[in-house]
Amino acid sequence: MTEPIVVTWIAPLASRTKESVMFARRVYMHLKPNSVAEFTQRLEKDILPLLRKQKGFQDEITFVGHGGREAFAISLWDKAENAETYNRGPYPEVTKILATVVEGAPQVETYDVANSTFHKIAAAVAA
């Protein structure tokens, strides 16, 4: 299996606070034909329980395109260090779990969270 592609985006210094309130990982996947049901089942039974055990994990939301061939997941973390620990540790196991439903390597991008109404995070105002 091909290694996942990891892209890191860091907010410009003018917009960052001393410590970001939350951190996000976005994983883009190209799904195999007719695999949405199995993809969803693997998320619920295998991946979400694993994520819930990770230090700093806050939330996960997964999207599937209307045609069922594209999906992306956004996981929210309390800080970048915990997301990176997950990326180096359990994440390779997640790619193995999804190998039967995902074509190619998932693409991972990382972000600082600017705001979230669900988590009551407001964008920080640069002083």
Protein backbone atom coordinates (compact mmCIF):
# COMPACT_ATOMS: atom_id res chain seq x y z
CA MET A 1 0.00 0.00 0.00
CA THR A 2 1.22 3.48 -0.83
CA GLU A 3 2.13 5.74 2.06
CA PRO A 4 -0.37 8.55 2.78
CA ILE A 5 0.50 12.01 1.51
CA VAL A 6 0.77 14.50 4.37
CA VAL A 7 0.54 18.25 3.77
CA THR A 8 0.86 20.66 6.67
CA TRP A 9 -0.52 24.17 6.55
CA ILE A 10 0.46 26.59 9.28
CA ALA A 11 -1.41 29.85 9.73
CA PRO A 12 0.58 33.05 9.14
CA LEU A 13 2.16 34.41 12.30
CA ALA A 14 -0.10 37.48 12.26
CA SER A 15 -3.19 35.30 12.62
CA ARG A 16 -1.91 32.77 15.16
CA THR A 17 -2.37 32.97 18.87
CA LYS A 18 0.33 31.86 21.31
CA GLU A 19 -1.38 28.49 21.46
CA SER A 20 -4.04 27.40 18.99
CA VAL A 21 -7.33 26.45 20.60
CA MET A 22 -7.85 23.42 18.33
CA PHE A 23 -6.13 21.61 15.52
CA ALA A 24 -7.66 19.74 12.56
CA ARG A 25 -6.64 16.92 10.25
CA ARG A 26 -8.44 16.60 6.92
CA VAL A 27 -8.12 13.24 5.18
CA TYR A 28 -9.27 12.98 1.57
CA MET A 29 -10.03 9.53 0.16
CA HIS A 30 -11.07 8.19 -3.24
CA LEU A 31 -13.53 5.37 -2.55
CA LYS A 32 -13.82 2.18 -4.56
CA PRO A 33 -17.10 1.68 -6.45
CA ASN A 34 -20.07 0.61 -4.32
CA SER A 35 -18.12 0.80 -1.06
CA VAL A 36 -19.94 3.54 0.88
CA ALA A 37 -21.82 1.10 3.14
CA GLU A 38 -18.64 -0.79 4.06
CA PHE A 39 -16.72 2.50 4.45
CA THR A 40 -19.34 3.79 6.91
CA GLN A 41 -19.39 0.49 8.79
CA ARG A 42 -15.59 0.48 9.19
CA LEU A 43 -15.70 4.06 10.48
CA GLU A 44 -18.34 3.24 13.09
CA LYS A 45 -16.99 -0.12 14.26
CA ASP A 46 -13.22 0.22 13.89
CA ILE A 47 -11.96 3.77 13.41
CA LEU A 48 -14.12 5.89 15.71
CA PRO A 49 -13.49 3.64 18.75
CA LEU A 50 -9.76 3.89 18.01
CA LEU A 51 -9.93 7.68 17.70
CA ARG A 52 -11.86 8.02 20.97
CA LYS A 53 -8.94 6.36 22.79
CA GLN A 54 -6.43 8.92 21.51
CA LYS A 55 -5.19 11.66 23.80
CA GLY A 56 -6.53 15.03 22.71
CA PHE A 57 -9.10 13.72 20.22
CA GLN A 58 -12.20 15.96 20.22
CA ASP A 59 -14.46 15.12 17.30
CA GLU A 60 -14.73 13.55 13.83
CA ILE A 61 -17.01 14.42 10.94
CA THR A 62 -16.94 12.50 7.68
CA PHE A 63 -18.39 13.53 4.33
CA VAL A 64 -19.17 11.34 1.31
CA GLY A 65 -19.80 12.87 -2.13
CA HIS A 66 -23.14 12.28 -3.87
CA GLY A 67 -21.62 9.79 -6.29
CA GLY A 68 -20.09 7.77 -3.47
CA ARG A 69 -16.59 7.88 -4.92
CA GLU A 70 -15.05 10.67 -2.84
CA ALA A 71 -14.93 11.15 0.91
CA PHE A 72 -13.11 13.28 3.39
CA ALA A 73 -12.93 13.26 7.15
CA ILE A 74 -12.07 16.08 9.51
CA SER A 75 -10.84 15.18 12.96
CA LEU A 76 -10.46 17.85 15.63
CA TRP A 77 -7.73 17.73 18.27
CA ASP A 78 -6.89 19.78 21.33
CA LYS A 79 -3.41 20.51 19.96
CA ALA A 80 -1.13 19.68 17.04
CA GLU A 81 1.17 17.47 19.11
CA ASN A 82 -1.62 14.99 19.89
CA ALA A 83 -2.73 14.86 16.26
CA GLU A 84 0.87 14.23 15.21
CA THR A 85 1.24 11.44 17.78
CA TYR A 86 -1.87 9.83 16.29
CA ASN A 87 -0.47 10.29 12.78
CA ARG A 88 2.79 8.52 13.71
CA GLY A 89 1.14 5.82 15.83
CA PRO A 90 -2.37 4.44 15.16
CA TYR A 91 -3.03 6.17 11.80
CA PRO A 92 -1.10 3.62 9.67
CA GLU A 93 -3.44 0.98 11.12
CA VAL A 94 -6.43 3.08 10.02
CA THR A 95 -5.12 3.10 6.44
CA LYS A 96 -4.92 -0.71 6.59
CA ILE A 97 -8.51 -0.93 7.89
CA LEU A 98 -9.69 1.23 4.97
CA ALA A 99 -7.56 -0.45 2.29
CA THR A 100 -10.46 -2.56 1.02
CA VAL A 101 -12.65 0.51 0.39
CA VAL A 102 -10.14 3.24 -0.54
CA GLU A 103 -8.28 3.52 -3.85
CA GLY A 104 -4.73 4.82 -3.56
CA ALA A 105 -3.26 6.65 -0.61
CA PRO A 106 -5.40 8.98 1.53
CA GLN A 107 -4.22 12.59 1.42
CA VAL A 108 -3.78 14.23 4.82
CA GLU A 109 -3.71 17.97 5.44
CA THR A 110 -3.45 19.71 8.80
CA TYR A 111 -4.84 23.06 9.92
CA ASP A 112 -5.24 25.35 12.91
CA VAL A 113 -8.95 25.77 13.66
CA ALA A 114 -9.98 29.39 13.17
CA ASN A 115 -13.54 29.03 14.48
CA SER A 116 -16.25 26.50 15.25
CA THR A 117 -19.78 27.28 16.36
CA PHE A 118 -20.18 23.69 17.54
CA HIS A 119 -17.12 23.92 19.80
CA LYS A 120 -17.73 27.60 20.63
CA ILE A 121 -14.35 28.70 19.28
CA ALA A 122 -14.03 32.27 18.05
CA ALA A 123 -11.35 33.51 15.73
CA ALA A 124 -8.55 35.12 17.71
CA VAL A 125 -8.01 38.82 17.12
CA ALA A 126 -4.36 39.69 16.57
CA ALA A 127 -3.21 42.26 19.08
